[in-house]
C-alpha cells in the first residue's frame, strides 16, 4: 500500500484499494494457483481480530477455508469494479432518457 497510498497505507479507503487490487492481479502479481486474488496481510490488525468474537474466525474457516490468523484471500467486488450502483437513501436509482427515478423496493 505504500506504493499506491503512501500517506494512508493500511488505512486507505476501499475506493482507493479496489482499483489497486485489480491492477496487481492484472499485472500478474496475484497469488494462488490461478493468480486471481491477493492476500490481505493482517499482522497489524491481529490484536483487533482477536478481540472480536471467535464466531467470526470460525465462519471464515468453515465457509472459506481461511485461517484469519495468517492471511485472507481477497478480490475486488463486482460492485466496486462496476463503479457502484447509484442509490439515494438506500434505494437504487435508474436512469432512462436522461431522467433519474427511484427503483421501487
C-alpha atoms as a PDB file:
ATOM      1  CA  UNK A   1       0.000   0.000   0.000  1.00  0.00           C
ATOM      2  CA  UNK A   2       2.942   2.347   0.498  1.00  0.00           C
ATOM      3  CA  UNK A   3       3.440   2.455  -3.281  1.00  0.00           C
ATOM      4  CA  UNK A   4      -0.172   3.413  -4.049  1.00  0.00           C
ATOM      5  CA  UNK A   5      -1.315   5.293  -0.950  1.00  0.00           C
ATOM      6  CA  UNK A   6       1.852   6.478   0.822  1.00  0.00           C
ATOM      7  CA  UNK A   7       0.012   8.581   3.399  1.00  0.00           C
ATOM      8  CA  UNK A   8      -2.959   6.349   4.223  1.00  0.00           C
ATOM      9  CA  UNK A   9      -1.156   2.995   3.771  1.00  0.00           C
ATOM     10  CA  UNK A  10      -3.203   0.277   5.536  1.00  0.00           C
ATOM     11  CA  UNK A  11      -5.957   2.780   6.319  1.00  0.00           C
ATOM     12  CA  UNK A  12      -6.719   3.624   2.669  1.00  0.00           C
ATOM     13  CA  UNK A  13     -10.419   3.583   1.833  1.00  0.00           C
ATOM     14  CA  UNK A  14     -11.951   0.774  -0.161  1.00  0.00           C
ATOM     15  CA  UNK A  15     -12.467   3.181  -3.068  1.00  0.00           C
ATOM     16  CA  UNK A  16      -8.678   3.563  -3.185  1.00  0.00           C
ATOM     17  CA  UNK A  17      -7.856  -0.095  -2.514  1.00  0.00           C
ATOM     18  CA  UNK A  18     -10.255  -1.687  -5.052  1.00  0.00           C
ATOM     19  CA  UNK A  19      -8.503  -0.453  -8.208  1.00  0.00           C
ATOM     20  CA  UNK A  20      -5.145  -1.311  -6.642  1.00  0.00           C
ATOM     21  CA  UNK A  21      -6.242  -4.933  -6.198  1.00  0.00           C
ATOM     22  CA  UNK A  22      -7.349  -5.077  -9.820  1.00  0.00           C
ATOM     23  CA  UNK A  23      -4.062  -3.586 -11.064  1.00  0.00           C
ATOM     24  CA  UNK A  24      -1.968  -6.031  -9.031  1.00  0.00           C
ATOM     25  CA  UNK A  25      -3.961  -9.051 -10.253  1.00  0.00           C
ATOM     26  CA  UNK A  26      -3.976  -7.934 -13.912  1.00  0.00           C
ATOM     27  CA  UNK A  27      -0.229  -7.289 -13.856  1.00  0.00           C
ATOM     28  CA  UNK A  28       0.416 -10.854 -12.700  1.00  0.00           C
ATOM     29  CA  UNK A  29       1.133 -10.192  -9.025  1.00  0.00           C
ATOM     30  CA  UNK A  30      -1.876 -12.113  -7.751  1.00  0.00           C
ATOM     31  CA  UNK A  31      -1.494 -15.244  -5.655  1.00  0.00           C
ATOM     32  CA  UNK A  32      -2.945 -18.723  -5.666  1.00  0.00           C
ATOM     33  CA  UNK A  33      -2.993 -21.376  -8.355  1.00  0.00           C
ATOM     34  CA  UNK A  34      -4.634 -19.026 -10.859  1.00  0.00           C
ATOM     35  CA  UNK A  35      -3.013 -15.832  -9.508  1.00  0.00           C
ATOM     36  CA  UNK A  36      -6.552 -14.470  -9.329  1.00  0.00           C
ATOM     37  CA  UNK A  37      -6.621 -12.947  -5.855  1.00  0.00           C
ATOM     38  CA  UNK A  38      -4.491 -11.031  -3.349  1.00  0.00           C
ATOM     39  CA  UNK A  39      -3.672 -11.991   0.228  1.00  0.00           C
ATOM     40  CA  UNK A  40      -4.758  -9.488   2.817  1.00  0.00           C
ATOM     41  CA  UNK A  41      -1.987  -9.400   5.418  1.00  0.00           C
ATOM     42  CA  UNK A  42      -3.239  -8.789   8.905  1.00  0.00           C
ATOM     43  CA  UNK A  43      -0.116  -8.563  11.021  1.00  0.00           C
ATOM     44  CA  UNK A  44      -1.025  -5.037  12.119  1.00  0.00           C
ATOM     45  CA  UNK A  45      -4.621  -5.971  12.911  1.00  0.00           C
ATOM     46  CA  UNK A  46      -4.247  -9.368  14.622  1.00  0.00           C
ATOM     47  CA  UNK A  47      -4.840  -7.898  18.088  1.00  0.00           C
ATOM     48  CA  UNK A  48      -8.094  -6.325  16.882  1.00  0.00           C
ATOM     49  CA  UNK A  49      -9.186  -9.580  15.217  1.00  0.00           C
ATOM     50  CA  UNK A  50      -8.630 -11.487  18.450  1.00  0.00           C
ATOM     51  CA  UNK A  51     -10.831  -9.022  20.329  1.00  0.00           C
ATOM     52  CA  UNK A  52     -13.751  -9.932  18.037  1.00  0.00           C
ATOM     53  CA  UNK A  53     -15.981 -12.904  18.779  1.00  0.00           C
ATOM     54  CA  UNK A  54     -14.484 -16.276  17.837  1.00  0.00           C
ATOM     55  CA  UNK A  55     -17.529 -16.974  15.634  1.00  0.00           C
ATOM     56  CA  UNK A  56     -16.095 -14.612  13.003  1.00  0.00           C
ATOM     57  CA  UNK A  57     -12.895 -16.648  12.785  1.00  0.00           C
ATOM     58  CA  UNK A  58     -14.893 -19.891  12.757  1.00  0.00           C
ATOM     59  CA  UNK A  59     -17.149 -18.627   9.961  1.00  0.00           C
ATOM     60  CA  UNK A  60     -14.137 -17.726   7.805  1.00  0.00           C
ATOM     61  CA  UNK A  61     -12.611 -21.167   8.408  1.00  0.00           C
ATOM     62  CA  UNK A  62     -15.835 -23.115   7.742  1.00  0.00           C
ATOM     63  CA  UNK A  63     -17.182 -21.252   4.724  1.00  0.00           C
ATOM     64  CA  UNK A  64     -13.993 -20.018   3.043  1.00  0.00           C
ATOM     65  CA  UNK A  65     -11.366 -22.419   4.385  1.00  0.00           C
ATOM     66  CA  UNK A  66      -9.361 -19.410   5.582  1.00  0.00           C
ATOM     67  CA  UNK A  67      -7.299 -19.005   8.729  1.00  0.00           C
ATOM     68  CA  UNK A  68      -7.678 -15.298   9.509  1.00  0.00           C
ATOM     69  CA  UNK A  69      -4.713 -15.543  11.858  1.00  0.00           C
ATOM     70  CA  UNK A  70      -2.458 -15.641   8.780  1.00  0.00           C
ATOM     71  CA  UNK A  71      -3.790 -14.137   5.559  1.00  0.00           C
ATOM     72  CA  UNK A  72      -7.141 -13.645   3.886  1.00  0.00           C
ATOM     73  CA  UNK A  73      -7.596 -14.045   0.128  1.00  0.00           C
ATOM     74  CA  UNK A  74      -9.477 -11.063  -1.297  1.00  0.00           C
ATOM     75  CA  UNK A  75     -10.851  -9.943  -4.655  1.00  0.00           C
ATOM     76  CA  UNK A  76     -12.276  -6.572  -5.602  1.00  0.00           C
ATOM     77  CA  UNK A  77     -16.042  -6.957  -5.552  1.00  0.00           C
ATOM     78  CA  UNK A  78     -18.136  -6.695  -8.675  1.00  0.00           C
ATOM     79  CA  UNK A  79     -19.929  -3.692  -7.185  1.00  0.00           C
ATOM     80  CA  UNK A  80     -16.697  -1.713  -6.985  1.00  0.00           C
ATOM     81  CA  UNK A  81     -15.381  -2.933 -10.347  1.00  0.00           C
ATOM     82  CA  UNK A  82     -18.585  -1.684 -11.974  1.00  0.00           C
ATOM     83  CA  UNK A  83     -18.241   1.722 -10.364  1.00  0.00           C
ATOM     84  CA  UNK A  84     -21.039   1.153  -7.886  1.00  0.00           C
ATOM     85  CA  UNK A  85     -24.776   1.313  -8.117  1.00  0.00           C
ATOM     86  CA  UNK A  86     -26.299   4.764  -7.893  1.00  0.00           C
ATOM     87  CA  UNK A  87     -28.617   4.994  -4.920  1.00  0.00           C
ATOM     88  CA  UNK A  88     -30.487   7.549  -2.866  1.00  0.00           C
ATOM     89  CA  UNK A  89     -31.231   6.946   0.829  1.00  0.00           C
ATOM     90  CA  UNK A  90     -30.774   3.193   0.397  1.00  0.00           C
ATOM     91  CA  UNK A  91     -32.949   2.899  -2.723  1.00  0.00           C
ATOM     92  CA  UNK A  92     -31.430   2.188  -6.140  1.00  0.00           C
ATOM     93  CA  UNK A  93     -31.679   4.848  -8.831  1.00  0.00           C
ATOM     94  CA  UNK A  94     -32.141   4.098 -12.533  1.00  0.00           C
ATOM     95  CA  UNK A  95     -31.656   6.407 -15.488  1.00  0.00           C
ATOM     96  CA  UNK A  96     -33.789   6.315 -18.642  1.00  0.00           C
ATOM     97  CA  UNK A  97     -33.904   9.004 -21.317  1.00  0.00           C
ATOM     98  CA  UNK A  98     -31.809  11.308 -19.136  1.00  0.00           C
ATOM     99  CA  UNK A  99     -34.239  11.113 -16.193  1.00  0.00           C
ATOM    100  CA  UNK A 100     -33.317   9.508 -12.869  1.00  0.00           C
ATOM    101  CA  UNK A 101     -36.028   7.633 -10.981  1.00  0.00           C
ATOM    102  CA  UNK A 102     -36.028   5.546  -7.819  1.00  0.00           C
ATOM    103  CA  UNK A 103     -36.424   1.811  -8.317  1.00  0.00           C
ATOM    104  CA  UNK A 104     -39.397   0.579  -6.262  1.00  0.00           C
ATOM    105  CA  UNK A 105     -38.450  -1.547  -3.267  1.00  0.00           C
END
